[in-house]
Every structure is written in structure tokens, then in C-alpha cells.
């Protein structure tokens, strides 16, 4: 097993990418890619012999996909946010995963990231669109080694063009806080599942489970009501809105920052 430590991006802990038992067809330094969509969503990916720039590129579709969320396939740093207008990729983003590995996301309706921004696996970077030289909405996706488009792998399995698969891009986000009246903080995770999110808080004797938010939300923690206990919350990137859950179950809302902020 080889462990690569990433970059903390606004939450306690480190981001990691783990490569387990890679087959000889995969470069040893390749990240542990997942599908570029939120946890549990089903997408069909296709290609064709003349697909530019390579038949190894994948075009993803599903019914009503215009405006659907696109997420980072692996942890990394944004190195390109470009707009080719009505030709080629249209609005596109490149994420560098280190050691010469990168992923590209094209024909986006909107880009919600900036160059130099670190992304965790599963972090939202934009939405599906129909910009560039296309006839309909879809996500054009590439995995690259250097400047070469390579065969796509998701969840350590080769992806076959023309098939439909459910995204397993469901990474836990590490957190910490004071969940009871003790003086010490304890660990927690925000667990992403299909369509929903759940906070798992490590209590002194048991795990406290708090279903809250969506699987594509960014989790936040803090003492929202001043009672000395840490509360949970989420930030929804699309509308820049925080949803903050108080100890009595009430939820307050606040809009703050830019779409690309973490």
C-alpha cells in the first residue's frame, strides 16, 4: 500500500489518496480516481474512434444533466480555469493530482473554482453545460499522464466506454469538535452518501449520528448558539449559503463568500 498525503483545505486533518493493488495497466503513481459526480449518481460514459483529443476521453450523460454538479475525481490543485468560447472545450478546468497526473473537465456551464485552489476528492468544481464545440449538454472528462490522455479508471477498475455506473466518489471529511460538555475536542467525519450527508461524532462512549445536509455539501463545525458545545453545519456551494444546525435542532441560514471559496 502506498499512502500520499495531500493538503488540508479548510477542515482539520489531511486529505489522502490511496492506491491499492494497481494493475500493470495503471501507472504506479496514478491517483485513486473516482467518477467526477456526487456519491451514488448514475452516469453513462461513451467515446468514439475520432473523439478529440483521444478516444480514451469520456463523454458523460444522463437524462436532464444540464446544470448537474461536477466534482473532483481525485484530490489535487486547480491549475487551469479556461474558456474557449464556442469552440473546443468551451469552459473547462484542469486539476493537478501530482507526479504528472491530472484530470480535465470540459463543456461546463459554470466553473466554481480558481487557479491554485486545493480540492478534496468529491469537492464541487462546476456544473455540466453545453459550452464549446458541442451539440448538447454533457461532461467531457479526461485522465492524463503528462500530456497524454490515458485509459480511465474509477474505484481501481477500468471504465468501459458505453457503460453506465454509479459514482463511488463518497469520501469522508475529517472534523473535530467538543460534542459533549467535556473540555477536550473529539474527532468526527462527515459521511457522504447518495443524495444526503451524515455527521458521525465520536462521543465518550458511543458514536453520535446526525443526518444533515446533502452529500455534495461542504461540512462546517462551530458553536453557533454559544452554549460551549460544537454544532454542525454545511455550506452549499451553488448559492453560497450556510445551513447551521443548533443544539435544539433549529437551523439558521447565512449567505457569505464567493462560490469558489472554501
C-alpha atoms as a PDB file:
ATOM      1  CA  UNK A   1       0.000   0.000   0.000  1.00  0.00           C
ATOM      2  CA  UNK A   2       1.240   3.477  -0.848  1.00  0.00           C
ATOM      3  CA  UNK A   3      -0.125   6.500   1.015  1.00  0.00           C
ATOM      4  CA  UNK A   4       0.081  10.008  -0.360  1.00  0.00           C
ATOM      5  CA  UNK A   5      -0.641  12.913   1.971  1.00  0.00           C
ATOM      6  CA  UNK A   6      -2.476  15.845   0.435  1.00  0.00           C
ATOM      7  CA  UNK A   7      -3.411  19.346   1.523  1.00  0.00           C
ATOM      8  CA  UNK A   8      -5.751  20.437   4.313  1.00  0.00           C
ATOM      9  CA  UNK A   9      -8.461  22.591   2.748  1.00  0.00           C
ATOM     10  CA  UNK A  10     -10.404  24.291   5.491  1.00  0.00           C
ATOM     11  CA  UNK A  11     -11.039  21.223   7.669  1.00  0.00           C
ATOM     12  CA  UNK A  12      -8.835  19.618  10.327  1.00  0.00           C
ATOM     13  CA  UNK A  13      -6.863  16.625   9.135  1.00  0.00           C
ATOM     14  CA  UNK A  14      -5.161  15.692   5.915  1.00  0.00           C
ATOM     15  CA  UNK A  15      -6.534  14.704   2.558  1.00  0.00           C
ATOM     16  CA  UNK A  16      -5.292  11.364   1.297  1.00  0.00           C
ATOM     17  CA  UNK A  17      -5.267   9.366  -1.883  1.00  0.00           C
ATOM     18  CA  UNK A  18      -4.615   5.640  -1.538  1.00  0.00           C
ATOM     19  CA  UNK A  19      -3.603   3.356  -4.375  1.00  0.00           C
ATOM     20  CA  UNK A  20      -4.215  -0.307  -3.594  1.00  0.00           C
ATOM     21  CA  UNK A  21      -3.169  -3.204  -5.778  1.00  0.00           C
ATOM     22  CA  UNK A  22      -2.950  -1.259  -9.041  1.00  0.00           C
ATOM     23  CA  UNK A  23      -2.780  -3.467 -12.116  1.00  0.00           C
ATOM     24  CA  UNK A  24       0.184  -3.206 -14.511  1.00  0.00           C
ATOM     25  CA  UNK A  25      -2.050  -1.241 -16.917  1.00  0.00           C
ATOM     26  CA  UNK A  26      -2.143   1.664 -14.441  1.00  0.00           C
ATOM     27  CA  UNK A  27       0.874   3.890 -13.806  1.00  0.00           C
ATOM     28  CA  UNK A  28       2.171   3.279 -10.290  1.00  0.00           C
ATOM     29  CA  UNK A  29       1.836   6.978  -9.460  1.00  0.00           C
ATOM     30  CA  UNK A  30      -1.794   7.246 -10.656  1.00  0.00           C
ATOM     31  CA  UNK A  31      -4.219   8.632  -8.057  1.00  0.00           C
ATOM     32  CA  UNK A  32      -7.197   6.655  -6.804  1.00  0.00           C
ATOM     33  CA  UNK A  33      -9.718   8.173  -9.221  1.00  0.00           C
ATOM     34  CA  UNK A  34     -13.468   8.121  -8.658  1.00  0.00           C
ATOM     35  CA  UNK A  35     -16.207   9.250 -11.051  1.00  0.00           C
ATOM     36  CA  UNK A  36     -16.493  13.056 -11.386  1.00  0.00           C
ATOM     37  CA  UNK A  37     -20.014  13.155  -9.916  1.00  0.00           C
ATOM     38  CA  UNK A  38     -21.530  13.179  -6.408  1.00  0.00           C
ATOM     39  CA  UNK A  39     -21.879   9.942  -4.487  1.00  0.00           C
ATOM     40  CA  UNK A  40     -24.400   7.451  -5.855  1.00  0.00           C
ATOM     41  CA  UNK A  41     -25.338   9.240  -9.088  1.00  0.00           C
ATOM     42  CA  UNK A  42     -25.575   7.011 -12.179  1.00  0.00           C
ATOM     43  CA  UNK A  43     -23.978   8.234 -15.422  1.00  0.00           C
ATOM     44  CA  UNK A  44     -23.359   6.703 -18.832  1.00  0.00           C
ATOM     45  CA  UNK A  45     -19.946   7.339 -20.386  1.00  0.00           C
ATOM     46  CA  UNK A  46     -19.219   6.983 -24.073  1.00  0.00           C
ATOM     47  CA  UNK A  47     -16.498   7.626 -26.623  1.00  0.00           C
ATOM     48  CA  UNK A  48     -15.790   7.027 -30.318  1.00  0.00           C
ATOM     49  CA  UNK A  49     -12.770   6.429 -32.580  1.00  0.00           C
ATOM     50  CA  UNK A  50     -12.495  10.074 -33.674  1.00  0.00           C
ATOM     51  CA  UNK A  51     -13.104  11.551 -30.233  1.00  0.00           C
ATOM     52  CA  UNK A  52     -10.831  14.595 -29.772  1.00  0.00           C
ATOM     53  CA  UNK A  53      -8.221  14.746 -28.391  1.00  0.00           C
ATOM     54  CA  UNK A  54      -8.307  10.980 -27.783  1.00  0.00           C
ATOM     55  CA  UNK A  55     -10.785   8.073 -27.956  1.00  0.00           C
ATOM     56  CA  UNK A  56      -9.770   7.497 -24.331  1.00  0.00           C
ATOM     57  CA  UNK A  57     -11.678  10.688 -23.430  1.00  0.00           C
ATOM     58  CA  UNK A  58     -15.133  10.024 -21.988  1.00  0.00           C
ATOM     59  CA  UNK A  59     -18.375  11.963 -22.583  1.00  0.00           C
ATOM     60  CA  UNK A  60     -20.766  11.515 -19.649  1.00  0.00           C
ATOM     61  CA  UNK A  61     -24.536  11.877 -19.932  1.00  0.00           C
ATOM     62  CA  UNK A  62     -27.721  11.168 -18.029  1.00  0.00           C
ATOM     63  CA  UNK A  63     -31.291  12.468 -18.509  1.00  0.00           C
ATOM     64  CA  UNK A  64     -31.673  16.127 -17.552  1.00  0.00           C
ATOM     65  CA  UNK A  65     -27.965  16.538 -16.842  1.00  0.00           C
ATOM     66  CA  UNK A  66     -27.690  20.234 -17.774  1.00  0.00           C
ATOM     67  CA  UNK A  67     -26.622  22.061 -14.598  1.00  0.00           C
ATOM     68  CA  UNK A  68     -25.746  18.888 -12.645  1.00  0.00           C
ATOM     69  CA  UNK A  69     -22.815  19.097 -10.227  1.00  0.00           C
ATOM     70  CA  UNK A  70     -19.308  18.084 -11.348  1.00  0.00           C
ATOM     71  CA  UNK A  71     -16.835  17.105  -8.610  1.00  0.00           C
ATOM     72  CA  UNK A  72     -13.104  16.469  -8.448  1.00  0.00           C
ATOM     73  CA  UNK A  73     -12.218  12.896  -9.388  1.00  0.00           C
ATOM     74  CA  UNK A  74      -9.219  12.856  -7.005  1.00  0.00           C
ATOM     75  CA  UNK A  75      -7.534  15.237  -4.519  1.00  0.00           C
ATOM     76  CA  UNK A  76      -5.446  17.925  -6.165  1.00  0.00           C
ATOM     77  CA  UNK A  77      -4.912  21.578  -7.017  1.00  0.00           C
ATOM     78  CA  UNK A  78      -6.643  23.543  -9.784  1.00  0.00           C
ATOM     79  CA  UNK A  79      -4.087  24.537 -12.440  1.00  0.00           C
ATOM     80  CA  UNK A  80      -6.319  25.740 -15.281  1.00  0.00           C
ATOM     81  CA  UNK A  81      -9.676  27.524 -15.483  1.00  0.00           C
ATOM     82  CA  UNK A  82     -10.221  28.443 -19.126  1.00  0.00           C
ATOM     83  CA  UNK A  83     -12.927  29.483 -21.567  1.00  0.00           C
ATOM     84  CA  UNK A  84     -12.527  28.585 -25.251  1.00  0.00           C
ATOM     85  CA  UNK A  85     -15.793  30.258 -26.185  1.00  0.00           C
ATOM     86  CA  UNK A  86     -17.965  28.454 -28.719  1.00  0.00           C
ATOM     87  CA  UNK A  87     -15.236  26.048 -29.828  1.00  0.00           C
ATOM     88  CA  UNK A  88     -13.278  23.121 -28.456  1.00  0.00           C
ATOM     89  CA  UNK A  89     -13.681  22.530 -24.682  1.00  0.00           C
ATOM     90  CA  UNK A  90     -15.769  25.649 -24.019  1.00  0.00           C
ATOM     91  CA  UNK A  91     -15.468  26.293 -20.288  1.00  0.00           C
ATOM     92  CA  UNK A  92     -13.017  23.808 -18.806  1.00  0.00           C
ATOM     93  CA  UNK A  93     -10.984  23.035 -15.673  1.00  0.00           C
ATOM     94  CA  UNK A  94      -7.784  21.053 -15.061  1.00  0.00           C
ATOM     95  CA  UNK A  95      -6.902  19.581 -11.652  1.00  0.00           C
ATOM     96  CA  UNK A  96      -3.295  18.512 -10.978  1.00  0.00           C
ATOM     97  CA  UNK A  97      -3.008  15.410  -8.781  1.00  0.00           C
ATOM     98  CA  UNK A  98       0.786  15.373  -8.524  1.00  0.00           C
ATOM     99  CA  UNK A  99       3.505  13.247 -10.134  1.00  0.00           C
ATOM    100  CA  UNK A 100       2.420  14.229 -13.640  1.00  0.00           C
ATOM    101  CA  UNK A 101      -1.197  13.081 -13.204  1.00  0.00           C
ATOM    102  CA  UNK A 102      -4.168  15.365 -13.928  1.00  0.00           C
ATOM    103  CA  UNK A 103      -7.834  15.342 -14.858  1.00  0.00           C
ATOM    104  CA  UNK A 104      -9.775  17.611 -17.225  1.00  0.00           C
ATOM    105  CA  UNK A 105     -13.457  18.633 -17.098  1.00  0.00           C
ATOM    106  CA  UNK A 106     -14.921  20.358 -20.171  1.00  0.00           C
ATOM    107  CA  UNK A 107     -18.098  21.915 -21.669  1.00  0.00           C
ATOM    108  CA  UNK A 108     -19.071  23.244 -18.242  1.00  0.00           C
ATOM    109  CA  UNK A 109     -21.936  25.667 -17.802  1.00  0.00           C
ATOM    110  CA  UNK A 110     -20.061  27.330 -14.938  1.00  0.00           C
ATOM    111  CA  UNK A 111     -16.683  26.977 -13.223  1.00  0.00           C
ATOM    112  CA  UNK A 112     -16.777  27.340  -9.441  1.00  0.00           C
ATOM    113  CA  UNK A 113     -13.052  27.128  -8.740  1.00  0.00           C
ATOM    114  CA  UNK A 114      -9.976  29.311  -9.199  1.00  0.00           C
ATOM    115  CA  UNK A 115      -6.382  28.558 -10.199  1.00  0.00           C
ATOM    116  CA  UNK A 116      -4.323  27.460  -7.194  1.00  0.00           C
ATOM    117  CA  UNK A 117      -7.340  26.244  -5.222  1.00  0.00           C
ATOM    118  CA  UNK A 118      -6.818  22.894  -3.450  1.00  0.00           C
ATOM    119  CA  UNK A 119      -9.641  20.377  -3.836  1.00  0.00           C
ATOM    120  CA  UNK A 120     -10.512  17.286  -1.858  1.00  0.00           C
ATOM    121  CA  UNK A 121     -11.812  14.293  -3.751  1.00  0.00           C
ATOM    122  CA  UNK A 122     -15.522  14.897  -4.258  1.00  0.00           C
ATOM    123  CA  UNK A 123     -15.273  18.713  -3.978  1.00  0.00           C
ATOM    124  CA  UNK A 124     -17.594  20.550  -6.386  1.00  0.00           C
ATOM    125  CA  UNK A 125     -15.753  22.369  -9.202  1.00  0.00           C
ATOM    126  CA  UNK A 126     -18.573  23.345 -11.576  1.00  0.00           C
ATOM    127  CA  UNK A 127     -21.732  22.207 -13.340  1.00  0.00           C
ATOM    128  CA  UNK A 128     -22.480  20.311 -16.545  1.00  0.00           C
ATOM    129  CA  UNK A 129     -23.113  22.521 -19.565  1.00  0.00           C
ATOM    130  CA  UNK A 130     -23.043  22.713 -23.340  1.00  0.00           C
ATOM    131  CA  UNK A 131     -20.283  25.268 -23.944  1.00  0.00           C
ATOM    132  CA  UNK A 132     -17.721  24.881 -26.713  1.00  0.00           C
ATOM    133  CA  UNK A 133     -17.976  22.817 -29.862  1.00  0.00           C
ATOM    134  CA  UNK A 134     -20.863  20.551 -28.817  1.00  0.00           C
ATOM    135  CA  UNK A 135     -24.453  19.877 -29.852  1.00  0.00           C
ATOM    136  CA  UNK A 136     -25.822  19.069 -26.408  1.00  0.00           C
ATOM    137  CA  UNK A 137     -25.072  19.107 -22.694  1.00  0.00           C
ATOM    138  CA  UNK A 138     -22.572  16.585 -21.320  1.00  0.00           C
ATOM    139  CA  UNK A 139     -19.313  16.378 -19.372  1.00  0.00           C
ATOM    140  CA  UNK A 140     -16.163  15.686 -21.370  1.00  0.00           C
ATOM    141  CA  UNK A 141     -13.682  14.051 -18.977  1.00  0.00           C
ATOM    142  CA  UNK A 142     -10.029  13.074 -19.352  1.00  0.00           C
ATOM    143  CA  UNK A 143      -7.473  11.394 -17.119  1.00  0.00           C
ATOM    144  CA  UNK A 144      -3.989  12.452 -18.149  1.00  0.00           C
ATOM    145  CA  UNK A 145      -0.429  11.308 -17.542  1.00  0.00           C
ATOM    146  CA  UNK A 146       1.749  14.216 -18.599  1.00  0.00           C
ATOM    147  CA  UNK A 147       0.150  15.472 -21.812  1.00  0.00           C
ATOM    148  CA  UNK A 148      -1.251  12.049 -22.759  1.00  0.00           C
ATOM    149  CA  UNK A 149      -4.886  11.031 -22.249  1.00  0.00           C
ATOM    150  CA  UNK A 150      -4.896   7.580 -20.646  1.00  0.00           C
ATOM    151  CA  UNK A 151      -7.479   4.842 -20.138  1.00  0.00           C
ATOM    152  CA  UNK A 152      -9.894   5.951 -17.397  1.00  0.00           C
ATOM    153  CA  UNK A 153     -10.082   4.040 -14.122  1.00  0.00           C
ATOM    154  CA  UNK A 154     -12.670   4.577 -11.398  1.00  0.00           C
ATOM    155  CA  UNK A 155     -12.552   2.872  -7.988  1.00  0.00           C
ATOM    156  CA  UNK A 156      -9.474   0.985  -9.275  1.00  0.00           C
ATOM    157  CA  UNK A 157     -11.483  -0.610 -12.084  1.00  0.00           C
ATOM    158  CA  UNK A 158     -11.051   0.139 -15.798  1.00  0.00           C
ATOM    159  CA  UNK A 159     -14.041   2.030 -17.184  1.00  0.00           C
ATOM    160  CA  UNK A 160     -15.505   0.640 -20.401  1.00  0.00           C
ATOM    161  CA  UNK A 161     -16.979   3.219 -22.765  1.00  0.00           C
ATOM    162  CA  UNK A 162     -20.680   2.719 -23.389  1.00  0.00           C
ATOM    163  CA  UNK A 163     -21.481   1.527 -19.868  1.00  0.00           C
ATOM    164  CA  UNK A 164     -23.466   3.050 -17.003  1.00  0.00           C
ATOM    165  CA  UNK A 165     -22.051   3.148 -13.487  1.00  0.00           C
ATOM    166  CA  UNK A 166     -22.890   4.643 -10.080  1.00  0.00           C
ATOM    167  CA  UNK A 167     -20.388   7.089  -8.653  1.00  0.00           C
ATOM    168  CA  UNK A 168     -18.435   5.881  -5.631  1.00  0.00           C
ATOM    169  CA  UNK A 169     -16.973   9.353  -5.093  1.00  0.00           C
ATOM    170  CA  UNK A 170     -18.037   9.354  -1.430  1.00  0.00           C
ATOM    171  CA  UNK A 171     -15.028  10.393   0.707  1.00  0.00           C
ATOM    172  CA  UNK A 172     -15.459  11.110   4.410  1.00  0.00           C
ATOM    173  CA  UNK A 173     -14.408  14.610   5.514  1.00  0.00           C
ATOM    174  CA  UNK A 174     -12.492  14.709   8.849  1.00  0.00           C
ATOM    175  CA  UNK A 175     -13.684  17.140  11.511  1.00  0.00           C
ATOM    176  CA  UNK A 176     -13.189  17.812  15.231  1.00  0.00           C
ATOM    177  CA  UNK A 177     -15.175  19.488  17.988  1.00  0.00           C
ATOM    178  CA  UNK A 178     -16.467  19.364  21.533  1.00  0.00           C
ATOM    179  CA  UNK A 179     -19.605  17.254  21.158  1.00  0.00           C
ATOM    180  CA  UNK A 180     -20.340  16.990  24.904  1.00  0.00           C
ATOM    181  CA  UNK A 181     -19.577  19.154  27.932  1.00  0.00           C
ATOM    182  CA  UNK A 182     -16.053  17.794  28.324  1.00  0.00           C
ATOM    183  CA  UNK A 183     -13.183  20.210  27.775  1.00  0.00           C
ATOM    184  CA  UNK A 184     -11.435  18.177  25.082  1.00  0.00           C
ATOM    185  CA  UNK A 185     -12.305  18.054  21.411  1.00  0.00           C
ATOM    186  CA  UNK A 186     -13.082  14.732  19.750  1.00  0.00           C
ATOM    187  CA  UNK A 187     -12.901  13.578  16.157  1.00  0.00           C
ATOM    188  CA  UNK A 188     -15.769  13.269  13.682  1.00  0.00           C
ATOM    189  CA  UNK A 189     -16.421  12.707   9.998  1.00  0.00           C
ATOM    190  CA  UNK A 190     -18.973  13.960   7.503  1.00  0.00           C
ATOM    191  CA  UNK A 191     -20.070  10.850   5.598  1.00  0.00           C
ATOM    192  CA  UNK A 192     -21.312  11.360   2.052  1.00  0.00           C
ATOM    193  CA  UNK A 193     -23.977   9.025   0.742  1.00  0.00           C
ATOM    194  CA  UNK A 194     -26.253   9.139  -2.301  1.00  0.00           C
ATOM    195  CA  UNK A 195     -28.151  12.406  -2.006  1.00  0.00           C
ATOM    196  CA  UNK A 196     -27.547  13.002   1.716  1.00  0.00           C
ATOM    197  CA  UNK A 197     -24.878  13.633   4.322  1.00  0.00           C
ATOM    198  CA  UNK A 198     -24.450  12.346   7.875  1.00  0.00           C
ATOM    199  CA  UNK A 199     -22.181  13.560  10.673  1.00  0.00           C
ATOM    200  CA  UNK A 200     -20.616  10.758  12.740  1.00  0.00           C
ATOM    201  CA  UNK A 201     -19.404  12.306  16.024  1.00  0.00           C
ATOM    202  CA  UNK A 202     -17.107  10.352  18.353  1.00  0.00           C
ATOM    203  CA  UNK A 203     -18.659  10.631  21.818  1.00  0.00           C
ATOM    204  CA  UNK A 204     -17.050   9.406  25.065  1.00  0.00           C
ATOM    205  CA  UNK A 205     -18.920   6.083  24.971  1.00  0.00           C
ATOM    206  CA  UNK A 206     -20.768   5.929  21.658  1.00  0.00           C
ATOM    207  CA  UNK A 207     -20.915   7.449  18.183  1.00  0.00           C
ATOM    208  CA  UNK A 208     -23.446  10.240  17.769  1.00  0.00           C
ATOM    209  CA  UNK A 209     -25.130  10.180  14.349  1.00  0.00           C
ATOM    210  CA  UNK A 210     -26.581  13.420  12.969  1.00  0.00           C
ATOM    211  CA  UNK A 211     -28.132  13.244   9.477  1.00  0.00           C
ATOM    212  CA  UNK A 212     -27.820  16.726   7.959  1.00  0.00           C
ATOM    213  CA  UNK A 213     -27.218  18.270   4.561  1.00  0.00           C
ATOM    214  CA  UNK A 214     -26.537  16.783   1.165  1.00  0.00           C
ATOM    215  CA  UNK A 215     -23.706  14.502   0.156  1.00  0.00           C
ATOM    216  CA  UNK A 216     -22.294  17.224  -2.108  1.00  0.00           C
ATOM    217  CA  UNK A 217     -22.246  19.885   0.650  1.00  0.00           C
ATOM    218  CA  UNK A 218     -19.089  21.094   2.384  1.00  0.00           C
ATOM    219  CA  UNK A 219     -19.319  20.418   6.160  1.00  0.00           C
ATOM    220  CA  UNK A 220     -18.509  23.052   8.785  1.00  0.00           C
ATOM    221  CA  UNK A 221     -18.494  22.953  12.588  1.00  0.00           C
ATOM    222  CA  UNK A 222     -18.679  25.660  15.266  1.00  0.00           C
ATOM    223  CA  UNK A 223     -20.554  26.810  18.349  1.00  0.00           C
ATOM    224  CA  UNK A 224     -23.463  28.567  16.636  1.00  0.00           C
ATOM    225  CA  UNK A 225     -25.506  29.251  19.798  1.00  0.00           C
ATOM    226  CA  UNK A 226     -22.759  29.977  22.353  1.00  0.00           C
ATOM    227  CA  UNK A 227     -23.527  27.112  24.740  1.00  0.00           C
ATOM    228  CA  UNK A 228     -19.972  25.723  24.734  1.00  0.00           C
ATOM    229  CA  UNK A 229     -20.803  22.754  22.511  1.00  0.00           C
ATOM    230  CA  UNK A 230     -19.750  22.361  18.903  1.00  0.00           C
ATOM    231  CA  UNK A 231     -22.616  22.276  16.400  1.00  0.00           C
ATOM    232  CA  UNK A 232     -22.638  21.002  12.828  1.00  0.00           C
ATOM    233  CA  UNK A 233     -23.470  22.724   9.573  1.00  0.00           C
ATOM    234  CA  UNK A 234     -22.930  22.671   5.834  1.00  0.00           C
ATOM    235  CA  UNK A 235     -22.170  25.143   3.075  1.00  0.00           C
ATOM    236  CA  UNK A 236     -23.981  24.721  -0.234  1.00  0.00           C
ATOM    237  CA  UNK A 237     -21.670  25.985  -2.933  1.00  0.00           C
ATOM    238  CA  UNK A 238     -24.278  26.736  -5.599  1.00  0.00           C
ATOM    239  CA  UNK A 239     -25.952  29.526  -3.618  1.00  0.00           C
ATOM    240  CA  UNK A 240     -23.070  30.339  -1.212  1.00  0.00           C
ATOM    241  CA  UNK A 241     -25.390  29.579   1.699  1.00  0.00           C
ATOM    242  CA  UNK A 242     -24.502  28.126   5.108  1.00  0.00           C
ATOM    243  CA  UNK A 243     -27.047  25.919   6.900  1.00  0.00           C
ATOM    244  CA  UNK A 244     -26.152  25.838  10.613  1.00  0.00           C
ATOM    245  CA  UNK A 245     -27.796  23.307  12.919  1.00  0.00           C
ATOM    246  CA  UNK A 246     -28.172  24.407  16.559  1.00  0.00           C
ATOM    247  CA  UNK A 247     -28.240  22.159  19.605  1.00  0.00           C
ATOM    248  CA  UNK A 248     -32.058  22.255  19.779  1.00  0.00           C
ATOM    249  CA  UNK A 249     -32.364  21.170  16.147  1.00  0.00           C
ATOM    250  CA  UNK A 250     -33.200  24.624  14.791  1.00  0.00           C
ATOM    251  CA  UNK A 251     -31.409  25.654  11.597  1.00  0.00           C
ATOM    252  CA  UNK A 252     -30.157  29.149  10.798  1.00  0.00           C
ATOM    253  CA  UNK A 253     -29.013  30.291   7.364  1.00  0.00           C
ATOM    254  CA  UNK A 254     -26.393  32.754   6.187  1.00  0.00           C
ATOM    255  CA  UNK A 255     -25.078  33.635   2.734  1.00  0.00           C
ATOM    256  CA  UNK A 256     -21.398  34.542   2.743  1.00  0.00           C
ATOM    257  CA  UNK A 257     -18.367  34.472   0.456  1.00  0.00           C
ATOM    258  CA  UNK A 258     -17.851  33.565  -3.178  1.00  0.00           C
ATOM    259  CA  UNK A 259     -18.885  30.372  -4.959  1.00  0.00           C
ATOM    260  CA  UNK A 260     -15.220  29.321  -5.294  1.00  0.00           C
ATOM    261  CA  UNK A 261     -14.407  29.855  -1.596  1.00  0.00           C
ATOM    262  CA  UNK A 262     -13.642  27.108   0.903  1.00  0.00           C
END
